N, C-alpha and C. Protein backbone atom coordinates (compact mmCIF):
# COMPACT_ATOMS: atom_id res chain seq x y z
N MET A 1 0.82 -1.13 -0.11
CA MET A 1 0.09 -0.09 -0.19
C MET A 1 0.91 0.98 -0.04
N GLN A 2 1.81 1.04 0.46
CA GLN A 2 2.83 2.95 0.72
C GLN A 2 3.20 2.75 -1.02
N ILE A 3 3.45 1.79 -1.39
CA ILE A 3 4.13 1.97 -2.78
C ILE A 3 3.34 2.45 -3.55
N ILE A 4 1.97 2.14 -3.36
CA ILE A 4 0.75 3.17 -3.99
C ILE A 4 0.87 4.33 -3.40
N LEU A 5 0.40 4.44 -2.40
CA LEU A 5 0.31 5.96 -2.03
C LEU A 5 1.88 7.20 -2.18
N GLY A 6 3.22 6.35 -2.48
CA GLY A 6 4.02 7.31 -3.01
C GLY A 6 4.17 7.37 -3.83
N SER A 7 3.67 6.57 -5.02
CA SER A 7 3.53 6.59 -6.30
C SER A 7 2.83 7.67 -6.65
N LEU A 8 1.35 7.86 -6.30
CA LEU A 8 0.48 8.48 -5.98
C LEU A 8 0.51 10.21 -5.69
N LEU A 9 1.37 10.38 -5.20
CA LEU A 9 1.65 11.61 -4.49
C LEU A 9 2.99 11.80 -5.18
N GLY A 10 3.52 10.88 -6.04
CA GLY A 10 4.67 11.31 -7.00
C GLY A 10 4.07 11.38 -8.08
N ASP A 11 4.76 10.49 -9.22
CA ASP A 11 4.93 10.68 -10.73
C ASP A 11 3.69 9.77 -11.46
N ALA A 12 3.07 8.45 -10.45
CA ALA A 12 2.05 7.86 -10.82
C ALA A 12 0.27 9.08 -10.95
N CYS A 13 -0.13 8.35 -11.79
CA CYS A 13 -1.39 8.75 -11.66
C CYS A 13 -2.65 7.83 -11.94
N LEU A 14 -3.98 7.99 -11.55
CA LEU A 14 -5.34 7.32 -11.61
C LEU A 14 -5.77 7.69 -13.39
N GLU A 15 -6.19 6.65 -13.43
CA GLU A 15 -6.98 6.81 -14.60
C GLU A 15 -8.51 5.92 -14.58
N GLY A 16 -9.48 6.21 -15.52
CA GLY A 16 -10.53 5.62 -15.78
C GLY A 16 -11.79 6.24 -14.13
N VAL A 17 -13.09 5.52 -14.66
CA VAL A 17 -14.23 6.44 -13.79
C VAL A 17 -14.09 5.15 -12.99
N ARG A 18 -15.10 5.93 -11.40
CA ARG A 18 -15.51 4.95 -10.56
C ARG A 18 -15.58 3.76 -10.85
N GLY A 19 -15.33 2.76 -10.31
CA GLY A 19 -15.75 1.18 -10.90
C GLY A 19 -14.79 0.66 -12.31
N ALA A 20 -13.81 1.61 -12.28
CA ALA A 20 -12.97 1.10 -13.78
C ALA A 20 -11.70 1.83 -13.57
N ARG A 21 -11.35 2.37 -11.74
CA ARG A 21 -10.28 3.19 -11.86
C ARG A 21 -8.89 2.38 -11.70
N ARG A 22 -8.07 2.50 -12.45
CA ARG A 22 -6.58 1.88 -12.24
C ARG A 22 -5.77 3.04 -11.96
N MET A 23 -4.33 2.37 -11.53
CA MET A 23 -3.13 3.67 -11.42
C MET A 23 -2.40 3.46 -12.47
N ARG A 24 -1.73 4.30 -13.28
CA ARG A 24 -0.60 4.27 -14.51
C ARG A 24 0.69 4.85 -13.19
N VAL A 25 1.93 4.09 -13.61
CA VAL A 25 3.29 3.96 -13.50
C VAL A 25 3.57 4.60 -14.63
N SER A 26 4.32 5.76 -14.87
CA SER A 26 5.21 6.20 -16.12
C SER A 26 6.59 6.78 -15.34
N GLU A 27 7.84 6.41 -16.42
CA GLU A 27 8.55 7.35 -15.36
C GLU A 27 9.64 6.97 -16.76
N VAL A 28 10.86 8.17 -17.14
CA VAL A 28 12.07 8.28 -18.04
C VAL A 28 12.13 6.96 -18.40
N GLU A 29 12.76 6.33 -19.75
CA GLU A 29 13.21 5.42 -19.72
C GLU A 29 14.84 4.80 -18.88
N GLN A 30 15.18 6.06 -18.45
CA GLN A 30 16.37 5.55 -17.89
C GLN A 30 16.23 5.26 -16.17
N ARG A 31 15.05 5.49 -15.79
CA ARG A 31 14.62 4.61 -14.50
C ARG A 31 13.90 3.50 -14.57
N ALA A 32 14.01 2.96 -15.76
CA ALA A 32 13.51 1.51 -15.55
C ALA A 32 13.41 0.09 -14.60
N ASP A 33 15.27 0.34 -13.98
CA ASP A 33 15.50 -0.48 -13.09
C ASP A 33 13.84 0.14 -11.94
N TYR A 34 13.84 0.86 -11.91
CA TYR A 34 13.13 1.61 -10.28
C TYR A 34 11.62 1.10 -10.92
N VAL A 35 10.99 1.49 -11.74
CA VAL A 35 9.94 0.95 -12.63
C VAL A 35 9.59 -0.38 -12.29
N ARG A 36 10.80 -1.30 -12.90
CA ARG A 36 10.45 -2.77 -12.44
C ARG A 36 10.27 -3.35 -11.12
N TRP A 37 11.30 -2.43 -10.13
CA TRP A 37 11.50 -2.68 -8.93
C TRP A 37 9.40 -2.28 -8.13
N LYS A 38 9.36 -1.22 -8.79
CA LYS A 38 7.30 -1.13 -8.54
C LYS A 38 6.66 -2.27 -8.88
N TYR A 39 7.04 -2.45 -10.16
CA TYR A 39 5.71 -3.72 -11.15
C TYR A 39 5.91 -4.74 -9.83
N ARG A 40 7.52 -5.30 -9.55
CA ARG A 40 7.51 -6.53 -9.04
C ARG A 40 6.83 -6.43 -7.27
N HIS A 41 6.70 -5.18 -6.68
CA HIS A 41 6.00 -5.09 -5.67
C HIS A 41 4.55 -4.85 -5.76
N LEU A 42 4.28 -4.64 -6.89
CA LEU A 42 2.56 -4.09 -7.30
C LEU A 42 2.09 -5.79 -8.19
N VAL A 43 2.31 -6.23 -8.53
CA VAL A 43 2.69 -7.48 -9.30
C VAL A 43 0.81 -7.66 -8.94
N PRO A 44 0.44 -8.31 -8.22
CA PRO A 44 -0.70 -8.61 -7.71
C PRO A 44 -1.91 -7.56 -8.62
N PHE A 45 -1.31 -6.40 -8.21
CA PHE A 45 -2.50 -5.48 -8.99
C PHE A 45 -1.95 -4.85 -10.27
N ALA A 46 -0.98 -5.80 -11.05
CA ALA A 46 -0.58 -5.14 -12.29
C ALA A 46 -1.20 -6.00 -13.33
N ASP A 47 -1.43 -5.00 -14.16
CA ASP A 47 -2.31 -5.61 -15.63
C ASP A 47 -1.51 -5.82 -16.74
N GLU A 48 -0.26 -5.52 -16.39
CA GLU A 48 0.83 -5.64 -17.74
C GLU A 48 1.93 -5.52 -17.04
N ALA A 49 3.01 -6.14 -17.88
CA ALA A 49 4.30 -5.85 -17.50
C ALA A 49 4.92 -4.18 -17.94
N PRO A 50 5.68 -3.80 -17.50
CA PRO A 50 6.35 -2.56 -17.75
C PRO A 50 6.50 -2.60 -19.37
N ALA A 51 6.62 -1.70 -20.30
CA ALA A 51 6.56 -1.40 -21.20
C ALA A 51 6.88 -0.19 -21.73
N ILE A 52 7.96 -0.10 -22.93
CA ILE A 52 8.82 1.23 -22.84
C ILE A 52 7.80 1.58 -24.05
N VAL A 53 7.09 2.94 -24.12
CA VAL A 53 6.63 3.54 -25.30
C VAL A 53 7.17 5.10 -25.56
N GLY A 54 8.06 5.07 -26.52
CA GLY A 54 8.61 6.17 -26.78
C GLY A 54 10.02 6.62 -25.96
N ALA A 55 9.71 7.65 -25.00
CA ALA A 55 11.43 7.21 -24.28
C ALA A 55 11.21 7.24 -22.88
N ARG A 56 9.76 7.10 -22.97
CA ARG A 56 9.06 6.51 -21.25
C ARG A 56 8.99 4.84 -21.27
N ILE A 57 8.67 4.74 -19.74
CA ILE A 57 8.45 2.80 -19.37
C ILE A 57 7.39 2.98 -18.13
N GLY A 58 6.47 1.91 -18.72
CA GLY A 58 5.72 2.35 -17.17
C GLY A 58 4.60 0.97 -17.62
N PHE A 59 3.51 1.10 -16.70
CA PHE A 59 2.68 -0.18 -16.08
C PHE A 59 1.45 0.55 -15.65
N ARG A 60 0.61 -0.43 -16.43
CA ARG A 60 -0.55 -0.04 -15.47
C ARG A 60 -1.04 -1.04 -14.60
N THR A 61 -1.98 -0.70 -13.66
CA THR A 61 -2.80 -1.72 -12.79
C THR A 61 -4.17 -1.91 -13.14
N ILE A 62 -4.47 -3.03 -12.96
CA ILE A 62 -6.08 -3.46 -12.77
C ILE A 62 -6.93 -2.68 -11.96
N PRO A 63 -8.18 -2.25 -12.93
CA PRO A 63 -9.32 -1.68 -11.78
C PRO A 63 -9.58 -2.17 -10.60
N HIS A 64 -9.45 -1.63 -9.96
CA HIS A 64 -9.64 -1.84 -8.28
C HIS A 64 -10.18 -1.35 -7.45
N PRO A 65 -10.94 -1.61 -6.81
CA PRO A 65 -11.60 -0.62 -5.56
C PRO A 65 -10.97 0.48 -5.13
N ILE A 66 -9.65 0.03 -4.59
CA ILE A 66 -8.63 0.64 -3.89
C ILE A 66 -8.94 1.90 -4.68
N PHE A 67 -8.36 2.16 -5.47
CA PHE A 67 -8.14 3.30 -6.43
C PHE A 67 -9.38 4.33 -6.19
N ASP A 68 -10.41 3.79 -6.47
CA ASP A 68 -11.56 4.86 -6.14
C ASP A 68 -11.17 5.42 -4.91
N ASP A 69 -11.22 4.45 -3.65
CA ASP A 69 -11.35 5.08 -2.54
C ASP A 69 -10.33 6.16 -2.18
N LEU A 70 -9.05 5.94 -2.88
CA LEU A 70 -8.12 6.39 -2.93
C LEU A 70 -8.27 8.19 -3.60
N GLU A 71 -9.57 8.17 -4.56
CA GLU A 71 -9.38 9.39 -5.62
C GLU A 71 -9.65 10.75 -4.44
N PRO A 72 -10.35 10.71 -3.99
CA PRO A 72 -10.83 11.70 -3.12
C PRO A 72 -9.81 12.53 -2.29
N LEU A 73 -8.68 11.63 -1.67
CA LEU A 73 -7.75 11.78 -1.22
C LEU A 73 -6.45 12.66 -2.11
N LEU A 74 -6.72 12.26 -3.49
CA LEU A 74 -5.59 12.66 -4.00
C LEU A 74 -6.15 13.90 -4.74
N THR A 75 -7.29 13.84 -4.73
CA THR A 75 -7.84 14.93 -5.38
C THR A 75 -8.19 16.82 -4.93
N ARG A 76 -9.16 15.65 -3.18
CA ARG A 76 -9.43 17.21 -2.20
C ARG A 76 -8.76 16.99 -1.08
N HIS A 77 -7.98 15.89 -0.39
CA HIS A 77 -7.75 15.92 0.68
C HIS A 77 -5.92 14.99 0.65
N ARG A 78 -5.19 16.10 0.13
CA ARG A 78 -4.06 15.47 -0.28
C ARG A 78 -3.04 15.27 1.26
N ALA A 79 -3.20 16.24 2.18
CA ALA A 79 -2.52 16.26 3.50
C ALA A 79 -2.96 15.05 4.24
N ARG A 80 -4.37 14.99 4.10
CA ARG A 80 -4.72 13.60 4.85
C ARG A 80 -3.85 12.11 4.38
N LEU A 81 -3.69 11.89 2.95
CA LEU A 81 -2.92 11.04 2.24
C LEU A 81 -1.70 11.42 2.53
N ARG A 82 -0.80 12.54 2.67
CA ARG A 82 0.44 12.56 3.36
C ARG A 82 0.76 11.94 4.74
N ARG A 83 -0.48 12.27 5.31
CA ARG A 83 -0.27 11.85 7.06
C ARG A 83 -0.31 10.33 6.99
N MET A 84 -0.83 9.77 5.51
CA MET A 84 -0.82 8.07 5.85
C MET A 84 0.42 7.39 5.47
N LEU A 85 1.33 8.42 5.04
CA LEU A 85 2.50 7.61 4.92
C LEU A 85 3.98 7.37 5.60
N LEU A 86 4.52 6.28 5.85
CA LEU A 86 5.19 5.42 6.45
C LEU A 86 6.69 5.74 5.50
N PRO A 87 7.90 5.40 6.28
CA PRO A 87 8.99 5.54 5.69
C PRO A 87 8.95 5.18 4.76
N LEU A 88 8.93 3.78 4.15
CA LEU A 88 8.63 3.28 2.38
C LEU A 88 7.77 4.55 1.49
N GLY A 89 6.78 4.47 1.74
CA GLY A 89 6.15 5.68 0.93
C GLY A 89 6.68 6.49 0.85
N ILE A 90 7.21 7.68 1.97
CA ILE A 90 8.23 8.95 1.88
C ILE A 90 9.29 8.84 0.86
N ALA A 91 9.77 7.35 0.65
CA ALA A 91 11.05 7.24 -0.07
C ALA A 91 10.72 6.86 -1.21
N VAL A 92 9.18 6.99 -1.82
CA VAL A 92 8.77 6.39 -2.87
C VAL A 92 8.46 7.77 -3.30
N TRP A 93 7.52 8.36 -2.73
CA TRP A 93 7.23 9.58 -3.36
C TRP A 93 9.00 10.81 -3.64
N MET A 94 9.59 10.81 -2.63
CA MET A 94 10.89 11.55 -2.96
C MET A 94 11.59 10.89 -4.06
N THR A 95 11.41 9.73 -4.46
CA THR A 95 12.34 8.89 -6.00
C THR A 95 11.04 9.62 -6.70
N ASP A 96 10.12 9.67 -6.87
CA ASP A 96 9.46 10.04 -7.76
C ASP A 96 9.68 11.78 -8.29
N ALA A 97 9.65 12.27 -7.31
CA ALA A 97 10.09 13.66 -7.12
C ALA A 97 11.55 14.27 -7.73
N GLY A 98 12.58 12.79 -7.91
CA GLY A 98 14.04 13.30 -7.75
C GLY A 98 14.70 13.60 -6.67
N ARG A 99 14.20 13.88 -5.87
CA ARG A 99 14.94 14.17 -4.65
C ARG A 99 15.76 13.14 -3.94
N LEU A 100 15.36 11.67 -3.84
CA LEU A 100 16.21 10.92 -3.55
C LEU A 100 16.36 9.79 -4.47
N GLU A 101 17.19 9.12 -4.47
CA GLU A 101 17.41 7.78 -4.99
C GLU A 101 16.81 6.44 -4.32
N LEU A 102 16.21 5.99 -5.38
CA LEU A 102 15.75 4.79 -4.49
C LEU A 102 16.55 3.63 -5.29
N ARG A 103 17.63 2.68 -5.30
CA ARG A 103 18.13 1.90 -5.90
C ARG A 103 17.51 0.22 -5.30
N PRO A 104 17.14 -0.26 -6.16
CA PRO A 104 16.74 -1.79 -6.29
C PRO A 104 17.66 -2.38 -5.45
N GLU A 105 18.91 -2.30 -5.60
CA GLU A 105 20.10 -2.69 -5.32
C GLU A 105 20.50 -2.69 -3.39
N ILE A 106 19.78 -1.71 -3.10
CA ILE A 106 20.64 -1.22 -1.56
C ILE A 106 19.24 -0.78 -0.81
N PHE A 107 18.04 -0.85 -1.30
CA PHE A 107 16.70 -0.40 -0.76
C PHE A 107 16.01 -1.94 -1.25
N LEU A 108 15.99 -2.53 0.24
CA LEU A 108 15.55 -4.19 -0.25
C LEU A 108 14.41 -4.01 0.71
N MET A 109 13.22 -4.66 0.25
CA MET A 109 11.90 -5.56 1.31
C MET A 109 12.16 -6.36 1.86
N PRO A 110 11.37 -6.94 2.69
CA PRO A 110 11.61 -8.27 3.75
C PRO A 110 11.69 -8.89 2.64
N ALA A 111 11.03 -9.24 1.28
CA ALA A 111 10.76 -10.32 0.89
C ALA A 111 11.98 -10.55 -0.28
N ASP A 112 13.01 -9.11 -0.74
CA ASP A 112 13.58 -9.13 -1.07
C ASP A 112 14.98 -9.21 -0.67
N ALA A 113 14.80 -9.10 0.50
CA ALA A 113 16.18 -9.52 1.50
C ALA A 113 16.63 -11.26 1.38
N ALA A 114 15.27 -11.85 1.96
CA ALA A 114 15.12 -13.20 2.03
C ALA A 114 15.66 -14.09 0.68
N LEU A 115 15.26 -13.34 -0.04
CA LEU A 115 15.87 -14.00 -2.25
C LEU A 115 17.01 -13.75 -2.00
N ARG A 116 18.15 -12.57 -1.18
CA ARG A 116 19.22 -12.36 -1.91
C ARG A 116 20.53 -13.08 -0.50
N ALA A 117 19.09 -13.19 0.41
CA ALA A 117 19.70 -14.66 1.51
C ALA A 117 20.30 -15.96 0.89
N ALA A 118 19.20 -16.33 -0.05
CA ALA A 118 19.21 -17.78 -0.17
C ALA A 118 20.50 -18.32 -1.12
C-alpha cells in the first residue's frame, strides 16, 4: 500500500471512472530499474508488465476499488494522504520527485532480502 500511496503523490496517476479506476506508473526510460522494482512489488495489481513507449517506461494496474477510495484523498485531501505515509511511502514519493534515489540493489523489502540471502 505504501508504494501505491507514494507513487500517487509522485509521478503515478489514476485513470478511469468509478468502478473502473486504475493507476498508471510511468517514468523516463533511464529509470527502468525503478519501474521494474515497483512492478515486482505491485504485481498482484498489475495489468501488464512494464513496457517502453517512446522515451518512457511504465505499466498500469487492473481496475480496483482501492483506487476509487484513494481518488478523493488525491484530489481533495492530499494532506490526509501525506499523513498516511510511512517511511517506504515517503521514500517512493521522494524518489518520484527526484529528491532521492531509490536503487533496488540497496533498498530491499523484507521479501527481497530473503531472496538475496538464499
